[in-house]
Amino acid sequence: MKRWLGALLLAAATQAWGVAAETDAATDAAARIKAVLDADAKIEAEAAATVGGEPKAPDAGQAKAIVAKMKAIDLAGCPEDFRDAYLKHIDAWNRYVLFADGLTEKARGDPMLQTKLGEIVAAIDSTFDAVRDAARRHGVEPPRDETAAPAP
């Protein structure tokens, strides 16, 4: 009887430790996600200030700076789905950089180029929606969207 009771107590303690470890891991992941979202919000606020605080598209140089800062955010400790979503968001911004880098001021008025730019901006918005969704799956409520992607 004593062996059975000892085994039962050991099993209960092991299970409790496992639940505590899972809770700690989830808390750590949520904290990492929040840190990434906070860093991203800071980049967004800085970017808005550099384009005059108005919702307009940054030029290629400003967009390159945004991408560089986003790439510098440490994603270690973030859940894989969140990390993948954020990397896709960075990639969407990078496509914007590549597109904007080739535009001249005269070309910005071209309707076909405006359509393409609109598609790229929509990708920035949709990839950030995926980032938000991933954050919510891990119990983190993302900051409210005060600004959308830059208007073309």
N, C-alpha and C. Protein backbone atom coordinates (compact mmCIF):
# COMPACT_ATOMS: atom_id res chain seq x y z
N MET A 1 0.81 -1.18 0.00
CA MET A 1 0.00 0.00 0.00
C MET A 1 0.86 1.26 0.00
N LYS A 2 1.94 1.24 0.80
CA LYS A 2 2.81 2.41 0.87
C LYS A 2 3.46 2.68 -0.50
N ARG A 3 3.86 1.61 -1.20
CA ARG A 3 4.48 1.80 -2.52
C ARG A 3 3.49 2.43 -3.49
N TRP A 4 2.25 1.94 -3.45
CA TRP A 4 1.24 2.45 -4.35
C TRP A 4 0.96 3.93 -4.07
N LEU A 5 0.86 4.29 -2.80
CA LEU A 5 0.63 5.67 -2.40
C LEU A 5 1.81 6.55 -2.80
N GLY A 6 3.03 6.04 -2.59
CA GLY A 6 4.21 6.79 -2.98
C GLY A 6 4.26 7.02 -4.49
N ALA A 7 3.93 6.00 -5.26
CA ALA A 7 3.91 6.13 -6.72
C ALA A 7 2.85 7.14 -7.16
N LEU A 8 1.69 7.10 -6.51
CA LEU A 8 0.61 8.03 -6.83
C LEU A 8 1.03 9.47 -6.52
N LEU A 9 1.66 9.68 -5.39
CA LEU A 9 2.13 11.02 -5.02
C LEU A 9 3.21 11.51 -5.98
N LEU A 10 4.10 10.61 -6.37
CA LEU A 10 5.15 10.97 -7.32
C LEU A 10 4.54 11.35 -8.66
N ALA A 11 3.57 10.58 -9.12
CA ALA A 11 2.90 10.86 -10.39
C ALA A 11 2.19 12.21 -10.34
N ALA A 12 1.51 12.50 -9.25
CA ALA A 12 0.80 13.77 -9.10
C ALA A 12 1.77 14.94 -9.09
N ALA A 13 2.87 14.78 -8.38
CA ALA A 13 3.87 15.84 -8.32
C ALA A 13 4.49 16.07 -9.70
N THR A 14 4.78 15.00 -10.42
CA THR A 14 5.35 15.12 -11.76
C THR A 14 4.39 15.83 -12.70
N GLN A 15 3.11 15.47 -12.62
CA GLN A 15 2.11 16.10 -13.46
C GLN A 15 1.99 17.59 -13.12
N ALA A 16 1.95 17.90 -11.84
CA ALA A 16 1.85 19.29 -11.42
C ALA A 16 3.05 20.09 -11.90
N TRP A 17 4.23 19.50 -11.83
CA TRP A 17 5.44 20.18 -12.31
C TRP A 17 5.35 20.42 -13.81
N GLY A 18 4.83 19.42 -14.54
CA GLY A 18 4.68 19.56 -15.99
C GLY A 18 3.71 20.67 -16.35
N VAL A 19 2.61 20.77 -15.64
CA VAL A 19 1.64 21.84 -15.89
C VAL A 19 2.26 23.19 -15.58
N ALA A 20 3.01 23.26 -14.48
CA ALA A 20 3.67 24.52 -14.12
C ALA A 20 4.69 24.90 -15.19
N ALA A 21 5.42 23.93 -15.70
CA ALA A 21 6.42 24.22 -16.75
C ALA A 21 5.74 24.71 -18.02
N GLU A 22 4.59 24.09 -18.38
CA GLU A 22 3.86 24.55 -19.57
C GLU A 22 3.34 25.96 -19.37
N THR A 23 2.85 26.27 -18.17
CA THR A 23 2.35 27.60 -17.87
C THR A 23 3.48 28.62 -17.96
N ASP A 24 4.65 28.28 -17.41
CA ASP A 24 5.81 29.17 -17.49
C ASP A 24 6.21 29.41 -18.94
N ALA A 25 6.21 28.36 -19.76
CA ALA A 25 6.58 28.50 -21.17
C ALA A 25 5.58 29.39 -21.90
N ALA A 26 4.30 29.23 -21.62
CA ALA A 26 3.28 30.06 -22.25
C ALA A 26 3.43 31.52 -21.82
N THR A 27 3.73 31.73 -20.54
CA THR A 27 3.93 33.09 -20.04
C THR A 27 5.16 33.72 -20.69
N ASP A 28 6.24 32.96 -20.80
CA ASP A 28 7.45 33.46 -21.46
C ASP A 28 7.18 33.80 -22.91
N ALA A 29 6.46 32.92 -23.62
CA ALA A 29 6.14 33.17 -25.03
C ALA A 29 5.30 34.42 -25.18
N ALA A 30 4.31 34.59 -24.31
CA ALA A 30 3.46 35.78 -24.35
C ALA A 30 4.29 37.04 -24.10
N ALA A 31 5.22 36.97 -23.17
CA ALA A 31 6.08 38.13 -22.88
C ALA A 31 6.96 38.46 -24.09
N ARG A 32 7.47 37.45 -24.77
CA ARG A 32 8.31 37.68 -25.96
C ARG A 32 7.47 38.29 -27.08
N ILE A 33 6.26 37.78 -27.27
CA ILE A 33 5.37 38.33 -28.30
C ILE A 33 5.08 39.80 -28.00
N LYS A 34 4.78 40.11 -26.75
CA LYS A 34 4.49 41.49 -26.37
C LYS A 34 5.71 42.38 -26.63
N ALA A 35 6.90 41.88 -26.34
CA ALA A 35 8.11 42.67 -26.59
C ALA A 35 8.28 42.95 -28.08
N VAL A 36 8.00 41.97 -28.91
CA VAL A 36 8.10 42.16 -30.37
C VAL A 36 7.07 43.18 -30.83
N LEU A 37 5.84 43.04 -30.37
CA LEU A 37 4.79 43.98 -30.78
C LEU A 37 5.09 45.40 -30.30
N ASP A 38 5.64 45.52 -29.10
CA ASP A 38 6.02 46.85 -28.58
C ASP A 38 7.13 47.47 -29.43
N ALA A 39 8.12 46.65 -29.79
CA ALA A 39 9.22 47.15 -30.64
C ALA A 39 8.69 47.55 -32.01
N ASP A 40 7.79 46.76 -32.56
CA ASP A 40 7.21 47.07 -33.86
C ASP A 40 6.41 48.38 -33.80
N ALA A 41 5.65 48.56 -32.72
CA ALA A 41 4.87 49.79 -32.56
C ALA A 41 5.78 51.01 -32.47
N LYS A 42 6.93 50.84 -31.81
CA LYS A 42 7.89 51.94 -31.71
C LYS A 42 8.44 52.29 -33.09
N ILE A 43 8.75 51.27 -33.89
CA ILE A 43 9.24 51.49 -35.25
C ILE A 43 8.17 52.22 -36.06
N GLU A 44 6.93 51.79 -35.92
CA GLU A 44 5.83 52.42 -36.65
C GLU A 44 5.68 53.89 -36.26
N ALA A 45 5.78 54.17 -34.95
CA ALA A 45 5.66 55.56 -34.48
C ALA A 45 6.81 56.41 -35.00
N GLU A 46 8.02 55.87 -35.00
CA GLU A 46 9.17 56.59 -35.53
C GLU A 46 9.02 56.83 -37.03
N ALA A 47 8.50 55.84 -37.74
CA ALA A 47 8.31 55.98 -39.18
C ALA A 47 7.27 57.04 -39.48
N ALA A 48 6.20 57.08 -38.71
CA ALA A 48 5.15 58.08 -38.92
C ALA A 48 5.72 59.48 -38.72
N ALA A 49 6.61 59.63 -37.76
CA ALA A 49 7.23 60.94 -37.51
C ALA A 49 8.12 61.36 -38.67
N THR A 50 8.78 60.38 -39.31
CA THR A 50 9.70 60.74 -40.41
C THR A 50 8.96 61.10 -41.68
N VAL A 51 7.70 60.69 -41.83
CA VAL A 51 6.94 61.08 -43.01
C VAL A 51 5.92 62.15 -42.66
N GLY A 52 6.19 62.88 -41.59
CA GLY A 52 5.36 64.00 -41.22
C GLY A 52 4.12 63.63 -40.44
N GLY A 53 4.05 62.41 -39.93
CA GLY A 53 2.91 62.00 -39.14
C GLY A 53 1.65 61.76 -39.96
N GLU A 54 1.74 61.88 -41.27
CA GLU A 54 0.57 61.67 -42.12
C GLU A 54 0.63 60.27 -42.71
N PRO A 55 -0.55 59.70 -43.00
CA PRO A 55 -0.56 58.36 -43.58
C PRO A 55 -0.18 58.37 -45.06
N LYS A 56 1.08 58.55 -45.33
CA LYS A 56 1.55 58.49 -46.71
C LYS A 56 2.72 57.53 -46.79
N ALA A 57 2.98 57.08 -47.97
CA ALA A 57 4.01 56.07 -48.17
C ALA A 57 5.41 56.64 -47.92
N PRO A 58 6.22 55.91 -47.18
CA PRO A 58 7.61 56.34 -47.02
C PRO A 58 8.37 56.13 -48.32
N ASP A 59 9.42 56.91 -48.50
CA ASP A 59 10.24 56.69 -49.68
C ASP A 59 11.09 55.44 -49.45
N ALA A 60 11.85 55.06 -50.47
CA ALA A 60 12.63 53.82 -50.39
C ALA A 60 13.62 53.85 -49.22
N GLY A 61 14.26 54.97 -49.00
CA GLY A 61 15.22 55.07 -47.91
C GLY A 61 14.57 54.89 -46.54
N GLN A 62 13.43 55.54 -46.35
CA GLN A 62 12.70 55.39 -45.09
C GLN A 62 12.22 53.95 -44.91
N ALA A 63 11.74 53.35 -45.99
CA ALA A 63 11.26 51.97 -45.92
C ALA A 63 12.40 51.01 -45.61
N LYS A 64 13.59 51.27 -46.18
CA LYS A 64 14.75 50.43 -45.88
C LYS A 64 15.09 50.50 -44.39
N ALA A 65 14.99 51.69 -43.83
CA ALA A 65 15.26 51.85 -42.39
C ALA A 65 14.24 51.09 -41.56
N ILE A 66 12.98 51.12 -41.98
CA ILE A 66 11.92 50.38 -41.28
C ILE A 66 12.24 48.89 -41.30
N VAL A 67 12.58 48.37 -42.48
CA VAL A 67 12.88 46.94 -42.61
C VAL A 67 14.10 46.57 -41.77
N ALA A 68 15.13 47.40 -41.79
CA ALA A 68 16.33 47.10 -41.01
C ALA A 68 16.00 47.02 -39.52
N LYS A 69 15.17 47.93 -39.04
CA LYS A 69 14.79 47.91 -37.62
C LYS A 69 13.93 46.69 -37.30
N MET A 70 13.04 46.33 -38.22
CA MET A 70 12.20 45.15 -37.99
C MET A 70 13.05 43.89 -37.95
N LYS A 71 14.04 43.80 -38.84
CA LYS A 71 14.91 42.63 -38.86
C LYS A 71 15.76 42.54 -37.59
N ALA A 72 15.99 43.67 -36.93
CA ALA A 72 16.81 43.69 -35.71
C ALA A 72 16.03 43.24 -34.47
N ILE A 73 14.73 43.13 -34.58
CA ILE A 73 13.92 42.69 -33.43
C ILE A 73 14.24 41.22 -33.16
N ASP A 74 14.51 40.92 -31.89
CA ASP A 74 14.85 39.55 -31.49
C ASP A 74 13.57 38.72 -31.38
N LEU A 75 13.46 37.70 -32.23
CA LEU A 75 12.30 36.83 -32.24
C LEU A 75 12.51 35.55 -31.44
N ALA A 76 13.68 35.42 -30.81
CA ALA A 76 13.98 34.23 -30.01
C ALA A 76 12.96 34.10 -28.89
N GLY A 77 12.50 32.90 -28.68
CA GLY A 77 11.54 32.63 -27.63
C GLY A 77 10.10 32.83 -28.04
N CYS A 78 9.89 33.34 -29.27
CA CYS A 78 8.52 33.49 -29.76
C CYS A 78 8.04 32.16 -30.33
N PRO A 79 6.76 31.87 -30.19
CA PRO A 79 6.22 30.65 -30.79
C PRO A 79 6.43 30.67 -32.31
N GLU A 80 6.57 29.49 -32.88
CA GLU A 80 6.90 29.37 -34.31
C GLU A 80 5.87 30.06 -35.20
N ASP A 81 4.58 29.91 -34.91
CA ASP A 81 3.58 30.52 -35.78
C ASP A 81 3.66 32.05 -35.74
N PHE A 82 3.93 32.61 -34.58
CA PHE A 82 4.08 34.06 -34.48
C PHE A 82 5.35 34.51 -35.22
N ARG A 83 6.44 33.81 -34.98
CA ARG A 83 7.71 34.16 -35.63
C ARG A 83 7.56 34.11 -37.16
N ASP A 84 6.94 33.05 -37.67
CA ASP A 84 6.75 32.93 -39.12
C ASP A 84 5.90 34.06 -39.67
N ALA A 85 4.83 34.40 -38.94
CA ALA A 85 3.96 35.49 -39.39
C ALA A 85 4.72 36.82 -39.41
N TYR A 86 5.54 37.05 -38.39
CA TYR A 86 6.28 38.32 -38.36
C TYR A 86 7.33 38.37 -39.47
N LEU A 87 7.97 37.25 -39.74
CA LEU A 87 8.96 37.22 -40.83
C LEU A 87 8.29 37.46 -42.18
N LYS A 88 7.07 36.96 -42.37
CA LYS A 88 6.33 37.23 -43.61
C LYS A 88 5.97 38.71 -43.70
N HIS A 89 5.68 39.32 -42.55
CA HIS A 89 5.38 40.75 -42.52
C HIS A 89 6.63 41.55 -42.93
N ILE A 90 7.76 41.16 -42.42
CA ILE A 90 9.01 41.83 -42.82
C ILE A 90 9.23 41.66 -44.32
N ASP A 91 8.96 40.47 -44.83
CA ASP A 91 9.11 40.22 -46.26
C ASP A 91 8.18 41.11 -47.08
N ALA A 92 6.96 41.34 -46.61
CA ALA A 92 6.04 42.23 -47.31
C ALA A 92 6.59 43.65 -47.36
N TRP A 93 7.15 44.09 -46.25
CA TRP A 93 7.79 45.42 -46.23
C TRP A 93 9.00 45.45 -47.17
N ASN A 94 9.73 44.36 -47.22
CA ASN A 94 10.89 44.32 -48.10
C ASN A 94 10.46 44.41 -49.57
N ARG A 95 9.34 43.79 -49.92
CA ARG A 95 8.82 43.93 -51.30
C ARG A 95 8.48 45.39 -51.59
N TYR A 96 7.96 46.09 -50.58
CA TYR A 96 7.69 47.51 -50.73
C TYR A 96 8.99 48.26 -51.02
N VAL A 97 10.04 47.94 -50.28
CA VAL A 97 11.34 48.59 -50.48
C VAL A 97 11.82 48.38 -51.91
N LEU A 98 11.77 47.14 -52.37
CA LEU A 98 12.24 46.83 -53.72
C LEU A 98 11.44 47.58 -54.77
N PHE A 99 10.15 47.68 -54.57
CA PHE A 99 9.29 48.40 -55.51
C PHE A 99 9.57 49.90 -55.46
N ALA A 100 9.59 50.46 -54.25
CA ALA A 100 9.78 51.90 -54.09
C ALA A 100 11.16 52.35 -54.55
N ASP A 101 12.14 51.46 -54.41
CA ASP A 101 13.51 51.79 -54.80
C ASP A 101 13.60 52.06 -56.30
N GLY A 102 12.76 51.41 -57.09
CA GLY A 102 12.82 51.58 -58.54
C GLY A 102 11.92 52.67 -59.07
N LEU A 103 11.15 53.31 -58.20
CA LEU A 103 10.22 54.34 -58.67
C LEU A 103 10.89 55.71 -58.73
N THR A 104 10.58 56.40 -59.78
CA THR A 104 10.95 57.81 -59.84
C THR A 104 9.70 58.60 -59.45
N GLU A 105 9.85 59.86 -59.14
CA GLU A 105 8.71 60.68 -58.76
C GLU A 105 7.69 60.73 -59.91
N LYS A 106 8.17 60.79 -61.12
CA LYS A 106 7.29 60.83 -62.29
C LYS A 106 6.48 59.54 -62.42
N ALA A 107 7.12 58.42 -62.14
CA ALA A 107 6.46 57.12 -62.29
C ALA A 107 5.40 56.89 -61.23
N ARG A 108 5.48 57.59 -60.11
CA ARG A 108 4.51 57.39 -59.03
C ARG A 108 3.08 57.67 -59.47
N GLY A 109 2.91 58.48 -60.50
CA GLY A 109 1.57 58.80 -60.98
C GLY A 109 1.00 57.80 -61.97
N ASP A 110 1.78 56.84 -62.40
CA ASP A 110 1.34 55.85 -63.38
C ASP A 110 0.27 54.94 -62.76
N PRO A 111 -0.92 54.86 -63.39
CA PRO A 111 -2.01 54.06 -62.81
C PRO A 111 -1.65 52.58 -62.61
N MET A 112 -0.91 51.99 -63.52
CA MET A 112 -0.53 50.58 -63.38
C MET A 112 0.40 50.39 -62.18
N LEU A 113 1.32 51.34 -62.02
CA LEU A 113 2.22 51.25 -60.88
C LEU A 113 1.48 51.50 -59.57
N GLN A 114 0.49 52.37 -59.60
CA GLN A 114 -0.32 52.62 -58.41
C GLN A 114 -1.08 51.36 -58.00
N THR A 115 -1.56 50.61 -59.01
CA THR A 115 -2.25 49.35 -58.72
C THR A 115 -1.31 48.37 -58.06
N LYS A 116 -0.11 48.24 -58.62
CA LYS A 116 0.88 47.32 -58.04
C LYS A 116 1.25 47.76 -56.62
N LEU A 117 1.44 49.05 -56.43
CA LEU A 117 1.76 49.56 -55.10
C LEU A 117 0.63 49.26 -54.13
N GLY A 118 -0.61 49.40 -54.59
CA GLY A 118 -1.76 49.09 -53.74
C GLY A 118 -1.76 47.63 -53.31
N GLU A 119 -1.35 46.73 -54.21
CA GLU A 119 -1.27 45.30 -53.88
C GLU A 119 -0.19 45.05 -52.82
N ILE A 120 0.93 45.75 -52.97
CA ILE A 120 2.02 45.58 -52.01
C ILE A 120 1.62 46.10 -50.64
N VAL A 121 0.96 47.24 -50.61
CA VAL A 121 0.50 47.81 -49.34
C VAL A 121 -0.55 46.90 -48.70
N ALA A 122 -1.43 46.32 -49.52
CA ALA A 122 -2.42 45.38 -48.99
C ALA A 122 -1.73 44.17 -48.36
N ALA A 123 -0.62 43.73 -48.95
CA ALA A 123 0.13 42.60 -48.39
C ALA A 123 0.73 42.97 -47.03
N ILE A 124 1.18 44.20 -46.88
CA ILE A 124 1.70 44.65 -45.59
C ILE A 124 0.59 44.58 -44.54
N ASP A 125 -0.58 45.07 -44.90
CA ASP A 125 -1.71 45.02 -43.96
C ASP A 125 -2.11 43.59 -43.63
N SER A 126 -2.22 42.74 -44.65
CA SER A 126 -2.69 41.37 -44.39
C SER A 126 -1.67 40.56 -43.60
N THR A 127 -0.38 40.79 -43.85
CA THR A 127 0.61 40.05 -43.08
C THR A 127 0.63 40.51 -41.63
N PHE A 128 0.36 41.79 -41.38
CA PHE A 128 0.30 42.22 -39.98
C PHE A 128 -0.97 41.71 -39.31
N ASP A 129 -2.04 41.55 -40.08
CA ASP A 129 -3.24 40.91 -39.52
C ASP A 129 -2.89 39.50 -39.06
N ALA A 130 -2.08 38.79 -39.84
CA ALA A 130 -1.66 37.43 -39.45
C ALA A 130 -0.80 37.46 -38.19
N VAL A 131 0.04 38.49 -38.05
CA VAL A 131 0.85 38.65 -36.83
C VAL A 131 -0.08 38.82 -35.63
N ARG A 132 -1.08 39.68 -35.78
CA ARG A 132 -2.04 39.92 -34.69
C ARG A 132 -2.79 38.64 -34.33
N ASP A 133 -3.22 37.91 -35.36
CA ASP A 133 -3.94 36.66 -35.10
C ASP A 133 -3.08 35.68 -34.32
N ALA A 134 -1.81 35.57 -34.71
CA ALA A 134 -0.90 34.66 -34.01
C ALA A 134 -0.71 35.11 -32.56
N ALA A 135 -0.59 36.41 -32.35
CA ALA A 135 -0.44 36.92 -30.98
C ALA A 135 -1.65 36.56 -30.14
N ARG A 136 -2.83 36.75 -30.70
CA ARG A 136 -4.06 36.43 -29.96
C ARG A 136 -4.15 34.95 -29.62
N ARG A 137 -3.68 34.08 -30.52
CA ARG A 137 -3.70 32.64 -30.23
C ARG A 137 -2.86 32.31 -29.00
N HIS A 138 -1.91 33.19 -28.67
CA HIS A 138 -1.04 32.96 -27.51
C HIS A 138 -1.42 33.87 -26.34
N GLY A 139 -2.63 34.40 -26.39
CA GLY A 139 -3.15 35.17 -25.27
C GLY A 139 -2.65 36.60 -25.18
N VAL A 140 -2.12 37.13 -26.27
CA VAL A 140 -1.61 38.50 -26.26
C VAL A 140 -2.52 39.35 -27.14
N GLU A 141 -3.05 40.41 -26.57
CA GLU A 141 -3.87 41.33 -27.35
C GLU A 141 -2.96 42.40 -27.95
N PRO A 142 -2.87 42.41 -29.27
CA PRO A 142 -1.97 43.39 -29.92
C PRO A 142 -2.46 44.82 -29.70
N PRO A 143 -1.55 45.76 -29.84
CA PRO A 143 -1.96 47.16 -29.72
C PRO A 143 -3.02 47.48 -30.78
N ARG A 144 -3.86 48.41 -30.46
CA ARG A 144 -4.90 48.83 -31.40
C ARG A 144 -4.24 49.42 -32.64
N ASP A 145 -4.84 49.15 -33.79
CA ASP A 145 -4.28 49.64 -35.06
C ASP A 145 -4.65 51.10 -35.23
N GLU A 146 -3.72 51.97 -34.91
CA GLU A 146 -3.97 53.40 -35.05
C GLU A 146 -3.69 53.87 -36.46
N THR A 147 -2.77 53.17 -37.12
CA THR A 147 -2.44 53.53 -38.50
C THR A 147 -2.34 52.25 -39.30
N ALA A 148 -2.79 52.33 -40.52
CA ALA A 148 -2.66 51.18 -41.42
C ALA A 148 -1.36 51.32 -42.18
N ALA A 149 -1.14 50.43 -43.10
CA ALA A 149 0.04 50.54 -43.96
C ALA A 149 -0.04 51.85 -44.72
N PRO A 150 1.09 52.32 -45.22
CA PRO A 150 1.12 53.61 -45.91
C PRO A 150 0.19 53.64 -47.11
N ALA A 151 -0.49 54.77 -47.27
CA ALA A 151 -1.34 54.93 -48.45
C ALA A 151 -0.48 55.07 -49.68
N PRO A 152 -0.87 54.42 -50.77
CA PRO A 152 -0.04 54.52 -51.98
C PRO A 152 -0.03 55.91 -52.56
